[in-house]
Amino acid sequence: MDSLSSGPVADVLANLYIEAERADAPMRESEKSSADPSGDWTTAFIASEKADLRGTYASLATNFLCVSPKFGRHLYMTARASRARLIVEFGTSMGVSTIYAAAALRDNGGGGGGGGGGGDSAAGARIISTELEPSKAERARKNVAAAGLQRRQD
């Protein structure tokens, strides 16, 4: 069994996905109704970033914009399979993908938290996360801590 299947990590992720669905629903509906007929909403988003990077991301402060559970599991399995010891993440948002990555580090034997680790443990394994929006960075820290993974995040 892995950290994603039960315990605090699973509980926190389940709650975050419920919250993300509520928080991101208006944005998804807005994208559908105002989308370019070609379906290329990314062009408008990139133009917005170019005009005002901080403003664009500040306007998304309440949105999760997180990975799906399926992609989160993919991130987790990739980190496990590669026996990752250091993960650098750009754009942590509310910490959903950070939780998957930190859980993989712990499950790889990254030390701490009552786990074993063996001769090839990844003691000292860590994740370095970045986030432009300060309120999201703080929220991510709290979510990672609630999942019991704060010892792995910088």
N, C-alpha and C. Protein backbone atom coordinates (compact mmCIF):
# COMPACT_ATOMS: atom_id res chain seq x y z
N MET A 1 0.84 -1.18 0.00
CA MET A 1 0.00 0.00 0.00
C MET A 1 0.89 1.25 0.00
N ASP A 2 0.45 2.28 -0.66
CA ASP A 2 1.22 3.52 -0.73
C ASP A 2 0.48 4.64 0.00
N SER A 3 1.13 5.76 0.15
CA SER A 3 0.56 6.92 0.86
C SER A 3 -0.70 7.47 0.21
N LEU A 4 -0.88 7.22 -1.07
CA LEU A 4 -2.03 7.80 -1.78
C LEU A 4 -3.32 7.05 -1.50
N SER A 5 -3.22 5.84 -0.97
CA SER A 5 -4.39 4.98 -0.81
C SER A 5 -5.14 5.18 0.49
N SER A 6 -4.45 5.61 1.53
CA SER A 6 -5.10 5.78 2.83
C SER A 6 -4.31 6.76 3.68
N GLY A 7 -4.89 7.13 4.81
CA GLY A 7 -4.20 8.02 5.73
C GLY A 7 -4.33 9.48 5.36
N PRO A 8 -3.51 10.32 6.00
CA PRO A 8 -3.64 11.77 5.83
C PRO A 8 -3.45 12.25 4.39
N VAL A 9 -2.53 11.65 3.65
CA VAL A 9 -2.30 12.08 2.26
C VAL A 9 -3.57 11.87 1.44
N ALA A 10 -4.14 10.69 1.53
CA ALA A 10 -5.36 10.39 0.77
C ALA A 10 -6.51 11.31 1.19
N ASP A 11 -6.65 11.53 2.49
CA ASP A 11 -7.73 12.38 2.99
C ASP A 11 -7.58 13.83 2.52
N VAL A 12 -6.37 14.36 2.63
CA VAL A 12 -6.13 15.75 2.21
C VAL A 12 -6.37 15.89 0.71
N LEU A 13 -5.86 14.95 -0.09
CA LEU A 13 -6.07 15.04 -1.54
C LEU A 13 -7.56 14.99 -1.88
N ALA A 14 -8.30 14.09 -1.24
CA ALA A 14 -9.74 13.99 -1.52
C ALA A 14 -10.44 15.31 -1.22
N ASN A 15 -10.11 15.91 -0.09
CA ASN A 15 -10.73 17.20 0.28
C ASN A 15 -10.31 18.31 -0.67
N LEU A 16 -9.06 18.32 -1.09
CA LEU A 16 -8.59 19.36 -2.00
C LEU A 16 -9.26 19.25 -3.36
N TYR A 17 -9.48 18.03 -3.85
CA TYR A 17 -10.15 17.87 -5.15
C TYR A 17 -11.61 18.34 -5.08
N ILE A 18 -12.27 18.12 -3.96
CA ILE A 18 -13.64 18.63 -3.79
C ILE A 18 -13.62 20.15 -3.82
N GLU A 19 -12.70 20.73 -3.08
CA GLU A 19 -12.59 22.19 -3.04
C GLU A 19 -12.19 22.76 -4.40
N ALA A 20 -11.29 22.09 -5.09
CA ALA A 20 -10.84 22.55 -6.41
C ALA A 20 -11.99 22.54 -7.41
N GLU A 21 -12.82 21.53 -7.34
CA GLU A 21 -13.96 21.45 -8.26
C GLU A 21 -14.86 22.67 -8.09
N ARG A 22 -15.12 23.04 -6.85
CA ARG A 22 -15.96 24.21 -6.57
C ARG A 22 -15.27 25.50 -7.00
N ALA A 23 -14.00 25.63 -6.65
CA ALA A 23 -13.26 26.88 -6.91
C ALA A 23 -13.02 27.11 -8.40
N ASP A 24 -12.77 26.05 -9.14
CA ASP A 24 -12.41 26.20 -10.55
C ASP A 24 -13.59 26.13 -11.51
N ALA A 25 -14.77 25.71 -11.04
CA ALA A 25 -15.93 25.57 -11.92
C ALA A 25 -16.30 26.88 -12.63
N PRO A 26 -16.37 28.01 -11.94
CA PRO A 26 -16.72 29.25 -12.66
C PRO A 26 -15.71 29.60 -13.76
N MET A 27 -14.44 29.36 -13.50
CA MET A 27 -13.41 29.66 -14.49
C MET A 27 -13.58 28.76 -15.73
N ARG A 28 -13.85 27.49 -15.49
CA ARG A 28 -14.04 26.56 -16.62
C ARG A 28 -15.25 26.96 -17.45
N GLU A 29 -16.34 27.35 -16.79
CA GLU A 29 -17.54 27.79 -17.51
C GLU A 29 -17.26 29.06 -18.30
N SER A 30 -16.52 29.98 -17.71
CA SER A 30 -16.17 31.22 -18.39
C SER A 30 -15.32 30.95 -19.62
N GLU A 31 -14.39 30.01 -19.50
CA GLU A 31 -13.55 29.65 -20.65
C GLU A 31 -14.40 29.08 -21.79
N LYS A 32 -15.37 28.25 -21.43
CA LYS A 32 -16.23 27.65 -22.45
C LYS A 32 -17.05 28.71 -23.18
N SER A 33 -17.61 29.65 -22.43
CA SER A 33 -18.50 30.64 -23.05
C SER A 33 -17.75 31.73 -23.81
N SER A 34 -16.53 32.03 -23.42
CA SER A 34 -15.79 33.10 -24.09
C SER A 34 -14.63 32.58 -24.93
N ALA A 35 -14.59 31.30 -25.14
CA ALA A 35 -13.47 30.71 -25.86
C ALA A 35 -13.44 31.15 -27.32
N ASP A 36 -12.25 31.30 -27.79
CA ASP A 36 -12.01 31.58 -29.20
C ASP A 36 -12.63 30.43 -30.00
N PRO A 37 -13.31 30.72 -31.11
CA PRO A 37 -13.92 29.65 -31.91
C PRO A 37 -12.92 28.55 -32.30
N SER A 38 -11.66 28.91 -32.41
CA SER A 38 -10.65 27.91 -32.76
C SER A 38 -10.31 27.04 -31.56
N GLY A 39 -10.77 27.43 -30.37
CA GLY A 39 -10.48 26.66 -29.17
C GLY A 39 -9.13 26.99 -28.56
N ASP A 40 -8.48 28.02 -29.07
CA ASP A 40 -7.13 28.35 -28.60
C ASP A 40 -7.18 29.41 -27.51
N TRP A 41 -7.64 29.05 -26.32
CA TRP A 41 -7.69 29.98 -25.20
C TRP A 41 -6.30 30.31 -24.69
N THR A 42 -5.32 29.46 -25.00
CA THR A 42 -3.96 29.70 -24.50
C THR A 42 -3.37 30.98 -25.07
N THR A 43 -3.73 31.34 -26.29
CA THR A 43 -3.20 32.56 -26.89
C THR A 43 -3.60 33.78 -26.06
N ALA A 44 -4.86 33.84 -25.65
CA ALA A 44 -5.33 34.95 -24.82
C ALA A 44 -4.64 34.95 -23.46
N PHE A 45 -4.45 33.77 -22.90
CA PHE A 45 -3.81 33.68 -21.59
C PHE A 45 -2.35 34.15 -21.66
N ILE A 46 -1.64 33.72 -22.68
CA ILE A 46 -0.24 34.13 -22.84
C ILE A 46 -0.14 35.64 -23.05
N ALA A 47 -1.06 36.21 -23.81
CA ALA A 47 -1.08 37.66 -24.01
C ALA A 47 -1.31 38.38 -22.68
N SER A 48 -2.19 37.83 -21.86
CA SER A 48 -2.46 38.41 -20.54
C SER A 48 -1.20 38.35 -19.67
N GLU A 49 -0.51 37.22 -19.71
CA GLU A 49 0.75 37.09 -18.95
C GLU A 49 1.78 38.11 -19.39
N LYS A 50 1.91 38.27 -20.71
CA LYS A 50 2.89 39.23 -21.24
C LYS A 50 2.57 40.65 -20.79
N ALA A 51 1.30 41.00 -20.78
CA ALA A 51 0.89 42.36 -20.42
C ALA A 51 1.06 42.62 -18.92
N ASP A 52 0.77 41.62 -18.09
CA ASP A 52 0.81 41.83 -16.64
C ASP A 52 0.92 40.47 -15.93
N LEU A 53 2.14 39.98 -15.82
CA LEU A 53 2.38 38.66 -15.23
C LEU A 53 1.80 38.55 -13.82
N ARG A 54 2.19 39.44 -12.94
CA ARG A 54 1.71 39.40 -11.55
C ARG A 54 0.19 39.55 -11.47
N GLY A 55 -0.35 40.47 -12.24
CA GLY A 55 -1.80 40.69 -12.24
C GLY A 55 -2.56 39.47 -12.72
N THR A 56 -2.04 38.82 -13.74
CA THR A 56 -2.70 37.61 -14.26
C THR A 56 -2.77 36.54 -13.17
N TYR A 57 -1.65 36.31 -12.49
CA TYR A 57 -1.64 35.27 -11.47
C TYR A 57 -2.38 35.68 -10.21
N ALA A 58 -2.38 36.97 -9.88
CA ALA A 58 -3.17 37.45 -8.74
C ALA A 58 -4.66 37.21 -8.99
N SER A 59 -5.08 37.35 -10.25
CA SER A 59 -6.50 37.13 -10.58
C SER A 59 -6.89 35.66 -10.47
N LEU A 60 -5.91 34.78 -10.41
CA LEU A 60 -6.17 33.34 -10.29
C LEU A 60 -5.91 32.83 -8.87
N ALA A 61 -5.77 33.73 -7.91
CA ALA A 61 -5.38 33.37 -6.55
C ALA A 61 -6.32 32.38 -5.88
N THR A 62 -7.59 32.39 -6.23
CA THR A 62 -8.53 31.47 -5.59
C THR A 62 -8.74 30.19 -6.39
N ASN A 63 -8.12 30.11 -7.56
CA ASN A 63 -8.26 28.92 -8.40
C ASN A 63 -7.16 27.92 -8.08
N PHE A 64 -7.50 26.65 -8.13
CA PHE A 64 -6.53 25.60 -7.85
C PHE A 64 -5.64 25.30 -9.05
N LEU A 65 -6.26 25.17 -10.23
CA LEU A 65 -5.51 24.85 -11.45
C LEU A 65 -4.60 23.64 -11.22
N CYS A 66 -5.14 22.63 -10.57
CA CYS A 66 -4.31 21.50 -10.14
C CYS A 66 -4.33 20.33 -11.13
N VAL A 67 -3.38 19.44 -10.93
CA VAL A 67 -3.31 18.23 -11.74
C VAL A 67 -4.51 17.34 -11.40
N SER A 68 -4.92 16.53 -12.35
CA SER A 68 -6.00 15.59 -12.11
C SER A 68 -5.50 14.46 -11.21
N PRO A 69 -6.40 13.71 -10.57
CA PRO A 69 -5.96 12.56 -9.78
C PRO A 69 -5.14 11.57 -10.62
N LYS A 70 -5.54 11.36 -11.86
CA LYS A 70 -4.82 10.43 -12.73
C LYS A 70 -3.40 10.93 -13.00
N PHE A 71 -3.26 12.22 -13.31
CA PHE A 71 -1.93 12.77 -13.58
C PHE A 71 -1.11 12.85 -12.30
N GLY A 72 -1.77 13.14 -11.17
CA GLY A 72 -1.07 13.13 -9.89
C GLY A 72 -0.47 11.77 -9.59
N ARG A 73 -1.24 10.72 -9.86
CA ARG A 73 -0.73 9.36 -9.66
C ARG A 73 0.45 9.12 -10.60
N HIS A 74 0.37 9.64 -11.83
CA HIS A 74 1.49 9.51 -12.78
C HIS A 74 2.75 10.20 -12.23
N LEU A 75 2.60 11.40 -11.69
CA LEU A 75 3.75 12.09 -11.09
C LEU A 75 4.34 11.26 -9.95
N TYR A 76 3.46 10.74 -9.12
CA TYR A 76 3.87 9.91 -7.99
C TYR A 76 4.66 8.69 -8.47
N MET A 77 4.11 7.98 -9.45
CA MET A 77 4.76 6.76 -9.94
C MET A 77 6.08 7.07 -10.64
N THR A 78 6.15 8.18 -11.35
CA THR A 78 7.40 8.57 -12.01
C THR A 78 8.49 8.84 -10.98
N ALA A 79 8.14 9.56 -9.93
CA ALA A 79 9.11 9.84 -8.86
C ALA A 79 9.51 8.56 -8.14
N ARG A 80 8.57 7.66 -7.93
CA ARG A 80 8.89 6.38 -7.28
C ARG A 80 9.82 5.55 -8.16
N ALA A 81 9.45 5.43 -9.44
CA ALA A 81 10.22 4.58 -10.36
C ALA A 81 11.65 5.08 -10.55
N SER A 82 11.81 6.39 -10.53
CA SER A 82 13.15 6.96 -10.74
C SER A 82 13.93 7.09 -9.43
N ARG A 83 13.31 6.69 -8.33
CA ARG A 83 13.92 6.81 -7.00
C ARG A 83 14.42 8.24 -6.75
N ALA A 84 13.56 9.16 -7.09
CA ALA A 84 13.91 10.59 -6.96
C ALA A 84 14.30 10.93 -5.53
N ARG A 85 15.28 11.80 -5.41
CA ARG A 85 15.72 12.33 -4.11
C ARG A 85 15.48 13.83 -4.02
N LEU A 86 15.41 14.48 -5.17
CA LEU A 86 15.16 15.92 -5.23
C LEU A 86 14.18 16.19 -6.36
N ILE A 87 13.12 16.90 -6.04
CA ILE A 87 12.13 17.29 -7.04
C ILE A 87 11.98 18.80 -6.96
N VAL A 88 12.04 19.46 -8.10
CA VAL A 88 11.83 20.91 -8.17
C VAL A 88 10.54 21.14 -8.95
N GLU A 89 9.65 21.89 -8.34
CA GLU A 89 8.33 22.13 -8.93
C GLU A 89 8.14 23.63 -9.16
N PHE A 90 7.74 23.98 -10.35
CA PHE A 90 7.46 25.37 -10.69
C PHE A 90 5.95 25.55 -10.78
N GLY A 91 5.38 26.33 -9.86
CA GLY A 91 3.95 26.57 -9.85
C GLY A 91 3.21 25.57 -8.99
N THR A 92 3.41 25.64 -7.69
CA THR A 92 2.79 24.68 -6.78
C THR A 92 1.30 24.90 -6.59
N SER A 93 0.81 26.12 -6.84
CA SER A 93 -0.59 26.49 -6.63
C SER A 93 -0.98 26.16 -5.19
N MET A 94 -1.99 25.34 -4.98
CA MET A 94 -2.45 25.03 -3.63
C MET A 94 -1.75 23.80 -3.04
N GLY A 95 -0.82 23.22 -3.78
CA GLY A 95 -0.01 22.13 -3.24
C GLY A 95 -0.43 20.72 -3.61
N VAL A 96 -1.39 20.57 -4.51
CA VAL A 96 -1.86 19.22 -4.85
C VAL A 96 -0.73 18.39 -5.47
N SER A 97 -0.09 18.90 -6.51
CA SER A 97 1.00 18.14 -7.14
C SER A 97 2.18 18.00 -6.18
N THR A 98 2.38 18.97 -5.31
CA THR A 98 3.44 18.91 -4.32
C THR A 98 3.22 17.73 -3.38
N ILE A 99 1.97 17.50 -3.01
CA ILE A 99 1.65 16.39 -2.12
C ILE A 99 1.96 15.06 -2.80
N TYR A 100 1.60 14.91 -4.06
CA TYR A 100 1.94 13.68 -4.78
C TYR A 100 3.45 13.45 -4.80
N ALA A 101 4.20 14.51 -5.11
CA ALA A 101 5.66 14.38 -5.20
C ALA A 101 6.28 14.08 -3.85
N ALA A 102 5.85 14.79 -2.81
CA ALA A 102 6.40 14.56 -1.47
C ALA A 102 6.03 13.17 -0.95
N ALA A 103 4.84 12.69 -1.27
CA ALA A 103 4.45 11.34 -0.87
C ALA A 103 5.35 10.30 -1.53
N ALA A 104 5.69 10.53 -2.79
CA ALA A 104 6.59 9.61 -3.49
C ALA A 104 7.96 9.59 -2.82
N LEU A 105 8.46 10.76 -2.46
CA LEU A 105 9.76 10.82 -1.79
C LEU A 105 9.72 10.05 -0.48
N ARG A 106 8.66 10.23 0.29
CA ARG A 106 8.54 9.50 1.56
C ARG A 106 8.43 8.01 1.30
N ASP A 107 7.59 7.62 0.34
CA ASP A 107 7.41 6.20 0.06
C ASP A 107 8.65 5.55 -0.54
N ASN A 108 9.54 6.37 -1.08
CA ASN A 108 10.83 5.86 -1.57
C ASN A 108 11.81 5.65 -0.42
N GLY A 109 11.39 5.96 0.80
CA GLY A 109 12.28 5.81 1.95
C GLY A 109 12.99 7.10 2.28
N GLY A 110 12.33 8.21 2.02
CA GLY A 110 12.94 9.52 2.24
C GLY A 110 13.11 9.92 3.68
N GLY A 111 12.95 8.99 4.60
CA GLY A 111 13.22 9.27 6.00
C GLY A 111 12.06 9.95 6.69
N GLY A 112 12.09 9.90 8.02
CA GLY A 112 11.12 10.60 8.86
C GLY A 112 9.77 9.93 8.89
N GLY A 113 8.92 10.45 9.71
CA GLY A 113 7.52 10.06 9.75
C GLY A 113 7.24 8.61 10.05
N GLY A 114 8.07 7.95 10.86
CA GLY A 114 7.79 6.59 11.27
C GLY A 114 8.01 5.55 10.19
N GLY A 115 8.61 5.91 9.10
CA GLY A 115 8.85 4.95 8.02
C GLY A 115 10.20 4.31 8.15
N GLY A 116 10.42 3.27 7.43
CA GLY A 116 11.68 2.56 7.48
C GLY A 116 12.72 3.15 6.57
N GLY A 117 12.71 2.80 5.37
CA GLY A 117 13.81 3.15 4.47
C GLY A 117 14.79 2.00 4.55
N GLY A 118 15.56 1.71 3.68
CA GLY A 118 16.49 0.60 3.78
C GLY A 118 17.87 1.09 3.52
N GLY A 119 18.73 0.20 3.10
CA GLY A 119 20.10 0.58 2.80
C GLY A 119 20.19 1.61 1.70
N ASP A 120 19.23 1.60 0.78
CA ASP A 120 19.27 2.56 -0.32
C ASP A 120 18.23 3.65 -0.13
N SER A 121 17.92 3.96 1.13
CA SER A 121 16.87 4.96 1.36
C SER A 121 17.28 6.32 0.83
N ALA A 122 16.30 7.12 0.58
CA ALA A 122 16.52 8.47 0.06
C ALA A 122 16.52 9.47 1.21
N ALA A 123 17.28 9.15 2.28
CA ALA A 123 17.32 10.06 3.43
C ALA A 123 17.71 11.44 2.95
N GLY A 124 17.01 12.42 3.45
CA GLY A 124 17.28 13.79 3.04
C GLY A 124 16.58 14.18 1.75
N ALA A 125 15.75 13.32 1.22
CA ALA A 125 15.02 13.65 0.00
C ALA A 125 14.13 14.86 0.26
N ARG A 126 13.97 15.71 -0.75
CA ARG A 126 13.15 16.91 -0.56
C ARG A 126 12.58 17.40 -1.88
N ILE A 127 11.57 18.25 -1.74
CA ILE A 127 10.96 18.90 -2.89
C ILE A 127 11.10 20.41 -2.69
N ILE A 128 11.49 21.08 -3.73
CA ILE A 128 11.57 22.54 -3.73
C ILE A 128 10.44 23.04 -4.63
N SER A 129 9.55 23.83 -4.06
CA SER A 129 8.39 24.32 -4.79
C SER A 129 8.46 25.82 -4.95
N THR A 130 7.94 26.30 -6.08
CA THR A 130 7.86 27.74 -6.31
C THR A 130 6.41 28.12 -6.60
N GLU A 131 6.07 29.34 -6.27
CA GLU A 131 4.73 29.85 -6.56
C GLU A 131 4.79 31.37 -6.59
N LEU A 132 4.26 31.98 -7.65
CA LEU A 132 4.26 33.44 -7.78
C LEU A 132 3.30 34.13 -6.83
N GLU A 133 2.19 33.50 -6.53
CA GLU A 133 1.15 34.11 -5.71
C GLU A 133 1.35 33.76 -4.23
N PRO A 134 1.71 34.73 -3.39
CA PRO A 134 2.00 34.46 -1.98
C PRO A 134 0.89 33.73 -1.22
N SER A 135 -0.36 34.07 -1.48
CA SER A 135 -1.46 33.40 -0.77
C SER A 135 -1.54 31.92 -1.12
N LYS A 136 -1.22 31.58 -2.36
CA LYS A 136 -1.20 30.17 -2.76
C LYS A 136 -0.02 29.44 -2.12
N ALA A 137 1.13 30.10 -2.05
CA ALA A 137 2.30 29.48 -1.42
C ALA A 137 2.00 29.14 0.04
N GLU A 138 1.36 30.06 0.74
CA GLU A 138 1.01 29.81 2.14
C GLU A 138 -0.01 28.68 2.25
N ARG A 139 -0.99 28.70 1.38
CA ARG A 139 -2.00 27.64 1.38
C ARG A 139 -1.37 26.28 1.07
N ALA A 140 -0.44 26.24 0.13
CA ALA A 140 0.25 24.99 -0.21
C ALA A 140 1.01 24.46 1.00
N ARG A 141 1.71 25.34 1.72
CA ARG A 141 2.44 24.91 2.92
C ARG A 141 1.50 24.25 3.92
N LYS A 142 0.34 24.86 4.12
CA LYS A 142 -0.63 24.31 5.07
C LYS A 142 -1.17 22.96 4.60
N ASN A 143 -1.44 22.84 3.31
CA ASN A 143 -1.96 21.58 2.78
C ASN A 143 -0.92 20.47 2.87
N VAL A 144 0.32 20.79 2.56
CA VAL A 144 1.40 19.80 2.66
C VAL A 144 1.56 19.37 4.12
N ALA A 145 1.49 20.32 5.04
CA ALA A 145 1.60 20.00 6.47
C ALA A 145 0.43 19.12 6.91
N ALA A 146 -0.78 19.42 6.45
CA ALA A 146 -1.96 18.62 6.81
C ALA A 146 -1.82 17.18 6.33
N ALA A 147 -1.11 17.00 5.22
CA ALA A 147 -0.87 15.65 4.69
C ALA A 147 0.29 14.95 5.42
N GLY A 148 0.94 15.67 6.33
CA GLY A 148 2.04 15.09 7.09
C GLY A 148 3.35 15.03 6.32
N LEU A 149 3.51 15.89 5.33
CA LEU A 149 4.68 15.83 4.45
C LEU A 149 5.56 17.07 4.52
N GLN A 150 5.33 17.95 5.48
CA GLN A 150 6.04 19.23 5.52
C GLN A 150 7.54 19.08 5.66
N ARG A 151 8.05 18.00 6.19
CA ARG A 151 9.49 17.84 6.36
C ARG A 151 10.22 17.68 5.04
N ARG A 152 9.48 17.52 3.96
CA ARG A 152 10.11 17.31 2.66
C ARG A 152 10.04 18.52 1.74
N GLN A 153 9.44 19.60 2.19
CA GLN A 153 9.20 20.73 1.29
C GLN A 153 10.00 21.95 1.68
N ASP A 154 10.63 22.58 0.69
CA ASP A 154 11.30 23.87 0.87
C ASP A 154 10.58 24.89 0.02
